[in-house]
Amino acid sequence: MILREALQSATQTLRRAGIADASVEAELLLGHVLGMSKTQLYTEPERSLASVETEHLWRLVRRRLDHEPTAYILEHCEFYGIDFFIDCHTFIPRPETELLVEKAVKLAHHIFHRGKQIVIADIGTGCGAIAVSLALALPQAKIYATDISASVLRVAGINCQRHAVNSRVELLQGNLLEPLPQPVDMIVANLPYIKSCEFRDLSPEIISFEPTIALAGGEDGLDKIQQMLEQMPGKLNCGACLLLEIGQGQGEMVTSSIKSYFPQASIELIFDLGGIERVVKVVHLSSVIN
């Protein structure tokens, strides 16, 4: 079989199974098998595949037909223009979360003086995508990245080393803010916010493969967010700020909950490109109730 035929066959197989963006996924799988870029796939269409390469491709296609996410099959994904290693223990970073990083970087530049060290906590770090992205964008930052899972932190450690930020990102195992060794200037968090009733509507790729602990937010989707707010006393420097990703329709409830802890704080809801309230930005958190 030549490359062009393999690509066409894989695309058709995925498309018949109802896989969205079948051609893109086929390119990713075949490129992974052959160690080729997308450009190379189309500049060498007559390249012959060895039998072992063909067998490898169809093993991967079968995994995708079983709804295993491509990111888990390939063991990597791109986030904020950076390549990250992931495995089945970690939540797959989503493009919409890039807005959280973008706003955190912008806020850090706006609030903190150039050259002054800023201490940031990435809560529920997962594969470390947010922490590593912030470390690369903010060389003056010291970042604590917490997660309750040792397996997840192992993956985050690999990504910190891969991108040479392990000297500025300290990984801490524990529940939310509990393991932080000092007060911080900024908290950035993409915590589980899926409501219990929403699980039945999730795709097989999510419900069957991604870790439930990284998704489940309880009855109203706000369990982990509420826990984090309760842990904030003693964890914040004066004038600290918070950037938090939320789900659709959660803005009013999250804002109300934050106001109950920080009545003087300034709160802004930021919408993504789809018009969905995606990020809550909170500044002046020094009025936390003790």
C-alpha atoms as a PDB file:
ATOM      1  CA  MET A   1       0.000   0.000   0.000  1.00  0.00           C
ATOM      2  CA  ILE A   2       1.249   3.481  -0.799  1.00  0.00           C
ATOM      3  CA  LEU A   3       0.853   6.511   1.410  1.00  0.00           C
ATOM      4  CA  ARG A   4      -1.948   8.135  -0.596  1.00  0.00           C
ATOM      5  CA  GLU A   5      -4.040   4.970  -0.483  1.00  0.00           C
ATOM      6  CA  ALA A   6      -3.439   4.497   3.227  1.00  0.00           C
ATOM      7  CA  LEU A   7      -4.539   8.057   3.959  1.00  0.00           C
ATOM      8  CA  GLN A   8      -7.664   7.748   1.833  1.00  0.00           C
ATOM      9  CA  SER A   9      -8.601   4.400   3.357  1.00  0.00           C
ATOM     10  CA  ALA A  10      -8.097   5.592   6.942  1.00  0.00           C
ATOM     11  CA  THR A  11     -10.110   8.757   6.251  1.00  0.00           C
ATOM     12  CA  GLN A  12     -13.001   6.811   4.730  1.00  0.00           C
ATOM     13  CA  THR A  13     -13.040   4.301   7.594  1.00  0.00           C
ATOM     14  CA  LEU A  14     -13.162   7.042  10.223  1.00  0.00           C
ATOM     15  CA  ARG A  15     -15.772   9.025   8.301  1.00  0.00           C
ATOM     16  CA  ARG A  16     -18.089   5.997   7.965  1.00  0.00           C
ATOM     17  CA  ALA A  17     -17.868   5.578  11.739  1.00  0.00           C
ATOM     18  CA  GLY A  18     -19.041   9.141  12.240  1.00  0.00           C
ATOM     19  CA  ILE A  19     -15.718  10.487  13.492  1.00  0.00           C
ATOM     20  CA  ALA A  20     -15.703  14.270  13.110  1.00  0.00           C
ATOM     21  CA  ASP A  21     -12.831  15.759  11.108  1.00  0.00           C
ATOM     22  CA  ALA A  22     -11.975  12.298   9.797  1.00  0.00           C
ATOM     23  CA  SER A  23      -9.401  13.557   7.301  1.00  0.00           C
ATOM     24  CA  VAL A  24      -7.541  15.523   9.974  1.00  0.00           C
ATOM     25  CA  GLU A  25      -7.540  12.563  12.342  1.00  0.00           C
ATOM     26  CA  ALA A  26      -6.311  10.223   9.609  1.00  0.00           C
ATOM     27  CA  GLU A  27      -3.456  12.636   8.883  1.00  0.00           C
ATOM     28  CA  LEU A  28      -2.501  12.694  12.552  1.00  0.00           C
ATOM     29  CA  LEU A  29      -2.546   8.913  12.909  1.00  0.00           C
ATOM     30  CA  LEU A  30      -0.626   8.227   9.705  1.00  0.00           C
ATOM     31  CA  GLY A  31       1.854  11.015  10.411  1.00  0.00           C
ATOM     32  CA  HIS A  32       2.473   9.495  13.827  1.00  0.00           C
ATOM     33  CA  VAL A  33       3.084   6.035  12.374  1.00  0.00           C
ATOM     34  CA  LEU A  34       5.491   7.296   9.720  1.00  0.00           C
ATOM     35  CA  GLY A  35       7.101  10.098  11.719  1.00  0.00           C
ATOM     36  CA  MET A  36       6.049  12.576   9.036  1.00  0.00           C
ATOM     37  CA  SER A  37       4.528  16.040   9.098  1.00  0.00           C
ATOM     38  CA  LYS A  38       1.278  16.863   7.353  1.00  0.00           C
ATOM     39  CA  THR A  39       3.250  18.553   4.577  1.00  0.00           C
ATOM     40  CA  GLN A  40       5.388  15.467   4.069  1.00  0.00           C
ATOM     41  CA  LEU A  41       2.284  13.271   3.801  1.00  0.00           C
ATOM     42  CA  TYR A  42       1.195  15.240   0.744  1.00  0.00           C
ATOM     43  CA  THR A  43       4.629  15.677  -0.831  1.00  0.00           C
ATOM     44  CA  GLU A  44       5.423  11.951  -0.789  1.00  0.00           C
ATOM     45  CA  PRO A  45       2.086  10.366  -1.812  1.00  0.00           C
ATOM     46  CA  GLU A  46       3.731   7.430  -3.633  1.00  0.00           C
ATOM     47  CA  ARG A  47       5.837   6.350  -0.655  1.00  0.00           C
ATOM     48  CA  SER A  48       5.340   2.656   0.054  1.00  0.00           C
ATOM     49  CA  LEU A  49       4.335   1.542   3.533  1.00  0.00           C
ATOM     50  CA  ALA A  50       6.058  -1.464   5.020  1.00  0.00           C
ATOM     51  CA  SER A  51       3.701  -4.140   6.307  1.00  0.00           C
ATOM     52  CA  VAL A  52       4.603  -3.289   9.903  1.00  0.00           C
ATOM     53  CA  GLU A  53       3.681   0.363   9.262  1.00  0.00           C
ATOM     54  CA  THR A  54       0.347  -0.616   7.739  1.00  0.00           C
ATOM     55  CA  GLU A  55      -0.435  -2.879  10.689  1.00  0.00           C
ATOM     56  CA  HIS A  56       0.501  -0.119  13.127  1.00  0.00           C
ATOM     57  CA  LEU A  57      -1.776   2.360  11.344  1.00  0.00           C
ATOM     58  CA  TRP A  58      -4.787   0.056  11.514  1.00  0.00           C
ATOM     59  CA  ARG A  59      -4.191  -0.702  15.194  1.00  0.00           C
ATOM     60  CA  LEU A  60      -4.421   3.027  15.838  1.00  0.00           C
ATOM     61  CA  VAL A  61      -7.480   3.403  13.615  1.00  0.00           C
ATOM     62  CA  ARG A  62      -9.244   0.626  15.531  1.00  0.00           C
ATOM     63  CA  ARG A  63      -8.503   2.382  18.807  1.00  0.00           C
ATOM     64  CA  ARG A  64     -10.023   5.567  17.388  1.00  0.00           C
ATOM     65  CA  LEU A  65     -13.078   3.627  16.191  1.00  0.00           C
ATOM     66  CA  ASP A  66     -13.504   2.542  19.819  1.00  0.00           C
ATOM     67  CA  HIS A  67     -13.759   6.292  20.618  1.00  0.00           C
ATOM     68  CA  GLU A  68     -10.378   6.570  22.314  1.00  0.00           C
ATOM     69  CA  PRO A  69      -9.345  10.234  21.885  1.00  0.00           C
ATOM     70  CA  THR A  70      -6.584  10.822  19.376  1.00  0.00           C
ATOM     71  CA  ALA A  71      -4.588  12.741  21.977  1.00  0.00           C
ATOM     72  CA  TYR A  72      -4.360   9.605  24.142  1.00  0.00           C
ATOM     73  CA  ILE A  73      -3.449   7.448  21.155  1.00  0.00           C
ATOM     74  CA  LEU A  74      -0.628   9.797  20.156  1.00  0.00           C
ATOM     75  CA  GLU A  75       0.281  10.651  23.785  1.00  0.00           C
ATOM     76  CA  HIS A  76       0.559  14.333  23.085  1.00  0.00           C
ATOM     77  CA  CYS A  77      -1.505  17.409  22.304  1.00  0.00           C
ATOM     78  CA  GLU A  78      -0.937  21.068  21.541  1.00  0.00           C
ATOM     79  CA  PHE A  79      -2.008  23.812  23.929  1.00  0.00           C
ATOM     80  CA  TYR A  80      -1.207  27.524  23.682  1.00  0.00           C
ATOM     81  CA  GLY A  81       1.154  26.692  20.798  1.00  0.00           C
ATOM     82  CA  ILE A  82       3.134  24.271  22.988  1.00  0.00           C
ATOM     83  CA  ASP A  83       3.363  20.490  22.652  1.00  0.00           C
ATOM     84  CA  PHE A  84       2.498  18.491  25.797  1.00  0.00           C
ATOM     85  CA  PHE A  85       2.885  14.849  26.698  1.00  0.00           C
ATOM     86  CA  ILE A  86      -0.293  13.316  28.113  1.00  0.00           C
ATOM     87  CA  ASP A  87      -1.528   9.879  29.077  1.00  0.00           C
ATOM     88  CA  CYS A  88      -4.784   8.287  30.224  1.00  0.00           C
ATOM     89  CA  HIS A  89      -4.400   9.692  33.743  1.00  0.00           C
ATOM     90  CA  THR A  90      -4.650  13.288  32.590  1.00  0.00           C
ATOM     91  CA  PHE A  91      -7.459  15.467  31.313  1.00  0.00           C
ATOM     92  CA  ILE A  92      -6.884  16.577  27.712  1.00  0.00           C
ATOM     93  CA  PRO A  93      -6.291  20.365  27.630  1.00  0.00           C
ATOM     94  CA  ARG A  94      -8.953  22.198  25.645  1.00  0.00           C
ATOM     95  CA  PRO A  95      -8.426  25.163  23.294  1.00  0.00           C
ATOM     96  CA  GLU A  96     -10.946  27.260  25.264  1.00  0.00           C
ATOM     97  CA  THR A  97      -8.651  27.109  28.302  1.00  0.00           C
ATOM     98  CA  GLU A  98      -6.053  29.076  26.336  1.00  0.00           C
ATOM     99  CA  LEU A  99      -8.207  32.124  27.129  1.00  0.00           C
ATOM    100  CA  LEU A 100      -7.496  31.543  30.824  1.00  0.00           C
ATOM    101  CA  VAL A 101      -3.740  31.582  30.185  1.00  0.00           C
ATOM    102  CA  GLU A 102      -3.977  34.593  27.889  1.00  0.00           C
ATOM    103  CA  LYS A 103      -5.832  36.630  30.520  1.00  0.00           C
ATOM    104  CA  ALA A 104      -3.485  35.517  33.293  1.00  0.00           C
ATOM    105  CA  VAL A 105      -0.428  36.637  31.326  1.00  0.00           C
ATOM    106  CA  LYS A 106      -2.030  39.963  30.470  1.00  0.00           C
ATOM    107  CA  LEU A 107      -3.082  40.571  34.075  1.00  0.00           C
ATOM    108  CA  ALA A 108       0.383  39.690  35.381  1.00  0.00           C
ATOM    109  CA  HIS A 109       1.998  42.217  33.031  1.00  0.00           C
ATOM    110  CA  HIS A 110      -0.563  44.869  33.972  1.00  0.00           C
ATOM    111  CA  ILE A 111      -0.490  44.520  37.746  1.00  0.00           C
ATOM    112  CA  PHE A 112       3.062  43.528  38.603  1.00  0.00           C
ATOM    113  CA  HIS A 113       6.130  45.632  37.978  1.00  0.00           C
ATOM    114  CA  ARG A 114       8.585  44.428  35.369  1.00  0.00           C
ATOM    115  CA  GLY A 115      11.353  42.405  37.020  1.00  0.00           C
ATOM    116  CA  LYS A 116       9.394  41.797  40.222  1.00  0.00           C
ATOM    117  CA  GLN A 117       8.824  38.143  40.975  1.00  0.00           C
ATOM    118  CA  ILE A 118       5.189  37.090  40.947  1.00  0.00           C
ATOM    119  CA  VAL A 119       4.075  33.952  42.762  1.00  0.00           C
ATOM    120  CA  ILE A 120       1.338  32.046  40.942  1.00  0.00           C
ATOM    121  CA  ALA A 121      -0.605  28.926  41.920  1.00  0.00           C
ATOM    122  CA  ASP A 122      -2.039  26.680  39.197  1.00  0.00           C
ATOM    123  CA  ILE A 123      -4.660  24.642  41.027  1.00  0.00           C
ATOM    124  CA  GLY A 124      -5.539  21.218  39.609  1.00  0.00           C
ATOM    125  CA  THR A 125      -2.645  21.360  37.176  1.00  0.00           C
ATOM    126  CA  GLY A 126      -3.275  18.077  35.353  1.00  0.00           C
ATOM    127  CA  CYS A 127      -0.591  17.581  32.703  1.00  0.00           C
ATOM    128  CA  GLY A 128       0.862  20.972  33.635  1.00  0.00           C
ATOM    129  CA  ALA A 129      -0.328  22.767  30.503  1.00  0.00           C
ATOM    130  CA  ILE A 130      -1.340  25.972  32.312  1.00  0.00           C
ATOM    131  CA  ALA A 131       1.679  26.054  34.626  1.00  0.00           C
ATOM    132  CA  VAL A 132       4.199  25.440  31.837  1.00  0.00           C
ATOM    133  CA  SER A 133       2.514  27.961  29.523  1.00  0.00           C
ATOM    134  CA  LEU A 134       2.610  30.611  32.250  1.00  0.00           C
ATOM    135  CA  ALA A 135       6.227  29.828  33.110  1.00  0.00           C
ATOM    136  CA  LEU A 136       7.278  30.244  29.483  1.00  0.00           C
ATOM    137  CA  ALA A 137       5.334  33.495  29.082  1.00  0.00           C
ATOM    138  CA  LEU A 138       6.317  34.976  32.468  1.00  0.00           C
ATOM    139  CA  PRO A 139      10.016  34.365  33.145  1.00  0.00           C
ATOM    140  CA  GLN A 140       9.776  36.378  36.375  1.00  0.00           C
ATOM    141  CA  ALA A 141       7.141  34.045  37.835  1.00  0.00           C
ATOM    142  CA  LYS A 142       7.500  31.390  40.515  1.00  0.00           C
ATOM    143  CA  ILE A 143       4.724  28.852  39.994  1.00  0.00           C
ATOM    144  CA  TYR A 144       3.248  26.258  42.325  1.00  0.00           C
ATOM    145  CA  ALA A 145       1.229  23.595  40.517  1.00  0.00           C
ATOM    146  CA  THR A 146      -1.003  21.427  42.692  1.00  0.00           C
ATOM    147  CA  ASP A 147      -2.911  18.257  41.986  1.00  0.00           C
ATOM    148  CA  ILE A 148      -4.341  15.509  44.157  1.00  0.00           C
ATOM    149  CA  SER A 149      -3.074  12.734  41.851  1.00  0.00           C
ATOM    150  CA  ALA A 150       0.512  11.476  41.966  1.00  0.00           C
ATOM    151  CA  SER A 151       0.092   9.899  38.516  1.00  0.00           C
ATOM    152  CA  VAL A 152      -0.974  13.225  37.063  1.00  0.00           C
ATOM    153  CA  LEU A 153       1.931  15.064  38.681  1.00  0.00           C
ATOM    154  CA  ARG A 154       4.339  12.562  37.108  1.00  0.00           C
ATOM    155  CA  VAL A 155       3.038  13.650  33.701  1.00  0.00           C
ATOM    156  CA  ALA A 156       3.286  17.325  34.676  1.00  0.00           C
ATOM    157  CA  GLY A 157       6.887  16.713  35.739  1.00  0.00           C
ATOM    158  CA  ILE A 158       7.730  15.293  32.327  1.00  0.00           C
ATOM    159  CA  ASN A 159       6.308  18.400  30.682  1.00  0.00           C
ATOM    160  CA  CYS A 160       8.164  20.740  33.015  1.00  0.00           C
ATOM    161  CA  GLN A 161      11.444  19.031  32.165  1.00  0.00           C
ATOM    162  CA  ARG A 162      10.630  18.907  28.448  1.00  0.00           C
ATOM    163  CA  HIS A 163      10.157  22.676  28.372  1.00  0.00           C
ATOM    164  CA  ALA A 164      12.969  23.462  30.831  1.00  0.00           C
ATOM    165  CA  VAL A 165      10.812  25.198  33.430  1.00  0.00           C
ATOM    166  CA  ASN A 166      11.208  22.661  36.256  1.00  0.00           C
ATOM    167  CA  SER A 167      13.373  25.120  38.214  1.00  0.00           C
ATOM    168  CA  ARG A 168      10.464  27.609  38.375  1.00  0.00           C
ATOM    169  CA  VAL A 169       7.468  25.274  38.551  1.00  0.00           C
ATOM    170  CA  GLU A 170       7.143  23.375  41.814  1.00  0.00           C
ATOM    171  CA  LEU A 171       4.747  20.441  41.736  1.00  0.00           C
ATOM    172  CA  LEU A 172       2.791  19.800  44.936  1.00  0.00           C
ATOM    173  CA  GLN A 173       0.504  16.875  45.681  1.00  0.00           C
ATOM    174  CA  GLY A 174      -2.593  17.660  47.680  1.00  0.00           C
ATOM    175  CA  ASN A 175      -6.149  18.955  47.639  1.00  0.00           C
ATOM    176  CA  LEU A 176      -6.458  22.301  45.865  1.00  0.00           C
ATOM    177  CA  LEU A 177      -4.766  25.070  47.915  1.00  0.00           C
ATOM    178  CA  GLU A 178      -3.822  22.917  50.892  1.00  0.00           C
ATOM    179  CA  PRO A 179      -0.221  22.087  49.855  1.00  0.00           C
ATOM    180  CA  LEU A 180       0.785  25.691  49.046  1.00  0.00           C
ATOM    181  CA  PRO A 181       3.824  26.556  51.205  1.00  0.00           C
ATOM    182  CA  GLN A 182       3.353  30.333  51.053  1.00  0.00           C
ATOM    183  CA  PRO A 183       0.775  32.965  50.114  1.00  0.00           C
ATOM    184  CA  VAL A 184       0.538  33.690  46.391  1.00  0.00           C
ATOM    185  CA  ASP A 185      -0.136  36.713  44.200  1.00  0.00           C
ATOM    186  CA  MET A 186      -2.314  34.971  41.644  1.00  0.00           C
ATOM    187  CA  ILE A 187      -4.421  31.828  41.523  1.00  0.00           C
ATOM    188  CA  VAL A 188      -5.220  30.313  38.137  1.00  0.00           C
ATOM    189  CA  ALA A 189      -7.572  27.330  38.070  1.00  0.00           C
ATOM    190  CA  ASN A 190      -9.462  25.165  35.638  1.00  0.00           C
ATOM    191  CA  LEU A 191     -11.275  22.944  38.114  1.00  0.00           C
ATOM    192  CA  PRO A 192     -13.900  20.265  37.366  1.00  0.00           C
ATOM    193  CA  TYR A 193     -17.209  22.001  36.621  1.00  0.00           C
ATOM    194  CA  ILE A 194     -19.394  19.429  34.872  1.00  0.00           C
ATOM    195  CA  LYS A 195     -22.758  19.036  36.632  1.00  0.00           C
ATOM    196  CA  SER A 196     -23.823  15.532  37.618  1.00  0.00           C
ATOM    197  CA  CYS A 197     -26.862  15.728  35.322  1.00  0.00           C
ATOM    198  CA  GLU A 198     -24.667  16.631  32.336  1.00  0.00           C
ATOM    199  CA  PHE A 199     -22.642  13.428  32.329  1.00  0.00           C
ATOM    200  CA  ARG A 200     -25.265  11.560  30.322  1.00  0.00           C
ATOM    201  CA  ASP A 201     -24.786  14.034  27.471  1.00  0.00           C
ATOM    202  CA  LEU A 202     -21.005  13.693  27.252  1.00  0.00           C
ATOM    203  CA  SER A 203     -19.424  11.989  24.238  1.00  0.00           C
ATOM    204  CA  PRO A 204     -18.015   8.441  24.545  1.00  0.00           C
ATOM    205  CA  GLU A 205     -14.533   9.931  24.100  1.00  0.00           C
ATOM    206  CA  ILE A 206     -14.981  11.886  27.321  1.00  0.00           C
ATOM    207  CA  ILE A 207     -17.086   9.640  29.512  1.00  0.00           C
ATOM    208  CA  SER A 208     -15.242   6.397  28.678  1.00  0.00           C
ATOM    209  CA  PHE A 209     -11.659   7.640  28.608  1.00  0.00           C
ATOM    210  CA  GLU A 210     -11.035  10.917  30.432  1.00  0.00           C
ATOM    211  CA  PRO A 211     -10.598  10.762  34.228  1.00  0.00           C
ATOM    212  CA  THR A 212     -13.890  11.463  36.014  1.00  0.00           C
ATOM    213  CA  ILE A 213     -12.050  13.223  38.835  1.00  0.00           C
ATOM    214  CA  ALA A 214     -11.002  15.917  36.348  1.00  0.00           C
ATOM    215  CA  LEU A 215     -14.578  16.452  35.170  1.00  0.00           C
ATOM    216  CA  ALA A 216     -17.075  15.981  37.996  1.00  0.00           C
ATOM    217  CA  GLY A 217     -18.113  19.197  39.724  1.00  0.00           C
ATOM    218  CA  GLY A 218     -21.019  17.827  41.728  1.00  0.00           C
ATOM    219  CA  GLU A 219     -24.711  18.612  41.499  1.00  0.00           C
ATOM    220  CA  ASP A 220     -24.309  22.242  40.419  1.00  0.00           C
ATOM    221  CA  GLY A 221     -20.794  21.866  38.999  1.00  0.00           C
ATOM    222  CA  LEU A 222     -19.281  24.129  41.633  1.00  0.00           C
ATOM    223  CA  ASP A 223     -18.137  21.726  44.360  1.00  0.00           C
ATOM    224  CA  LYS A 224     -14.403  22.139  43.738  1.00  0.00           C
ATOM    225  CA  ILE A 225     -14.687  25.875  43.162  1.00  0.00           C
ATOM    226  CA  GLN A 226     -16.481  26.260  46.492  1.00  0.00           C
ATOM    227  CA  GLN A 227     -13.856  24.131  48.257  1.00  0.00           C
ATOM    228  CA  MET A 228     -11.084  26.296  46.840  1.00  0.00           C
ATOM    229  CA  LEU A 229     -12.772  29.502  48.029  1.00  0.00           C
ATOM    230  CA  GLU A 230     -13.094  28.024  51.514  1.00  0.00           C
ATOM    231  CA  GLN A 231      -9.354  27.302  51.569  1.00  0.00           C
ATOM    232  CA  MET A 232      -8.242  30.806  50.567  1.00  0.00           C
ATOM    233  CA  PRO A 233      -7.740  32.420  54.001  1.00  0.00           C
ATOM    234  CA  GLY A 234      -3.994  32.601  54.648  1.00  0.00           C
ATOM    235  CA  LYS A 235      -3.118  31.585  51.081  1.00  0.00           C
ATOM    236  CA  LEU A 236      -3.174  35.042  49.453  1.00  0.00           C
ATOM    237  CA  ASN A 237      -0.868  38.027  49.434  1.00  0.00           C
ATOM    238  CA  CYS A 238      -2.443  41.460  49.765  1.00  0.00           C
ATOM    239  CA  GLY A 239      -4.093  42.493  46.495  1.00  0.00           C
ATOM    240  CA  ALA A 240      -3.996  39.000  45.041  1.00  0.00           C
ATOM    241  CA  CYS A 241      -6.047  38.031  42.000  1.00  0.00           C
ATOM    242  CA  LEU A 242      -7.895  34.975  40.718  1.00  0.00           C
ATOM    243  CA  LEU A 243      -8.607  33.704  37.228  1.00  0.00           C
ATOM    244  CA  LEU A 244     -11.017  30.812  37.052  1.00  0.00           C
ATOM    245  CA  GLU A 245     -12.479  28.869  34.141  1.00  0.00           C
ATOM    246  CA  ILE A 246     -16.194  28.106  34.429  1.00  0.00           C
ATOM    247  CA  GLY A 247     -18.868  26.305  32.446  1.00  0.00           C
ATOM    248  CA  GLN A 248     -21.751  27.756  30.467  1.00  0.00           C
ATOM    249  CA  GLY A 249     -24.369  29.402  32.662  1.00  0.00           C
ATOM    250  CA  GLN A 250     -22.279  29.315  35.855  1.00  0.00           C
ATOM    251  CA  GLY A 251     -21.208  32.944  35.880  1.00  0.00           C
ATOM    252  CA  GLU A 252     -23.920  34.313  38.178  1.00  0.00           C
ATOM    253  CA  MET A 253     -23.558  31.557  40.785  1.00  0.00           C
ATOM    254  CA  VAL A 254     -19.759  31.742  40.810  1.00  0.00           C
ATOM    255  CA  THR A 255     -19.809  35.530  41.060  1.00  0.00           C
ATOM    256  CA  SER A 256     -22.243  35.391  43.973  1.00  0.00           C
ATOM    257  CA  SER A 257     -20.117  32.820  45.784  1.00  0.00           C
ATOM    258  CA  ILE A 258     -16.931  34.847  45.323  1.00  0.00           C
ATOM    259  CA  LYS A 259     -18.688  37.996  46.579  1.00  0.00           C
ATOM    260  CA  SER A 260     -19.643  36.197  49.797  1.00  0.00           C
ATOM    261  CA  TYR A 261     -15.940  35.663  50.546  1.00  0.00           C
ATOM    262  CA  PHE A 262     -14.534  38.829  48.954  1.00  0.00           C
ATOM    263  CA  PRO A 263     -17.212  41.542  49.197  1.00  0.00           C
ATOM    264  CA  GLN A 264     -14.843  44.309  48.065  1.00  0.00           C
ATOM    265  CA  ALA A 265     -13.304  42.415  45.153  1.00  0.00           C
ATOM    266  CA  SER A 266     -13.681  43.509  41.553  1.00  0.00           C
ATOM    267  CA  ILE A 267     -15.165  40.678  39.455  1.00  0.00           C
ATOM    268  CA  GLU A 268     -15.359  40.477  35.659  1.00  0.00           C
ATOM    269  CA  LEU A 269     -16.867  37.762  33.474  1.00  0.00           C
ATOM    270  CA  ILE A 270     -14.923  37.177  30.258  1.00  0.00           C
ATOM    271  CA  PHE A 271     -16.612  35.562  27.266  1.00  0.00           C
ATOM    272  CA  ASP A 272     -14.946  33.261  24.766  1.00  0.00           C
ATOM    273  CA  LEU A 273     -15.234  33.508  20.974  1.00  0.00           C
ATOM    274  CA  GLY A 274     -18.447  31.488  21.099  1.00  0.00           C
ATOM    275  CA  GLY A 275     -20.078  34.051  23.368  1.00  0.00           C
ATOM    276  CA  ILE A 276     -19.940  31.737  26.396  1.00  0.00           C
ATOM    277  CA  GLU A 277     -18.890  33.055  29.803  1.00  0.00           C
ATOM    278  CA  ARG A 278     -15.596  31.238  30.199  1.00  0.00           C
ATOM    279  CA  VAL A 279     -13.303  33.037  32.642  1.00  0.00           C
ATOM    280  CA  VAL A 280     -13.965  34.817  35.915  1.00  0.00           C
ATOM    281  CA  LYS A 281     -11.349  37.470  36.691  1.00  0.00           C
ATOM    282  CA  VAL A 282     -11.185  38.680  40.277  1.00  0.00           C
ATOM    283  CA  VAL A 283      -8.816  41.376  41.543  1.00  0.00           C
ATOM    284  CA  HIS A 284      -8.221  42.887  44.981  1.00  0.00           C
ATOM    285  CA  LEU A 285      -8.802  39.700  46.978  1.00  0.00           C
ATOM    286  CA  SER A 286      -7.268  41.088  50.193  1.00  0.00           C
ATOM    287  CA  SER A 287     -10.693  41.385  51.862  1.00  0.00           C
ATOM    288  CA  VAL A 288     -11.082  37.635  52.357  1.00  0.00           C
ATOM    289  CA  ILE A 289     -13.188  36.664  55.368  1.00  0.00           C
ATOM    290  CA  ASN A 290     -11.072  34.894  58.006  1.00  0.00           C
END
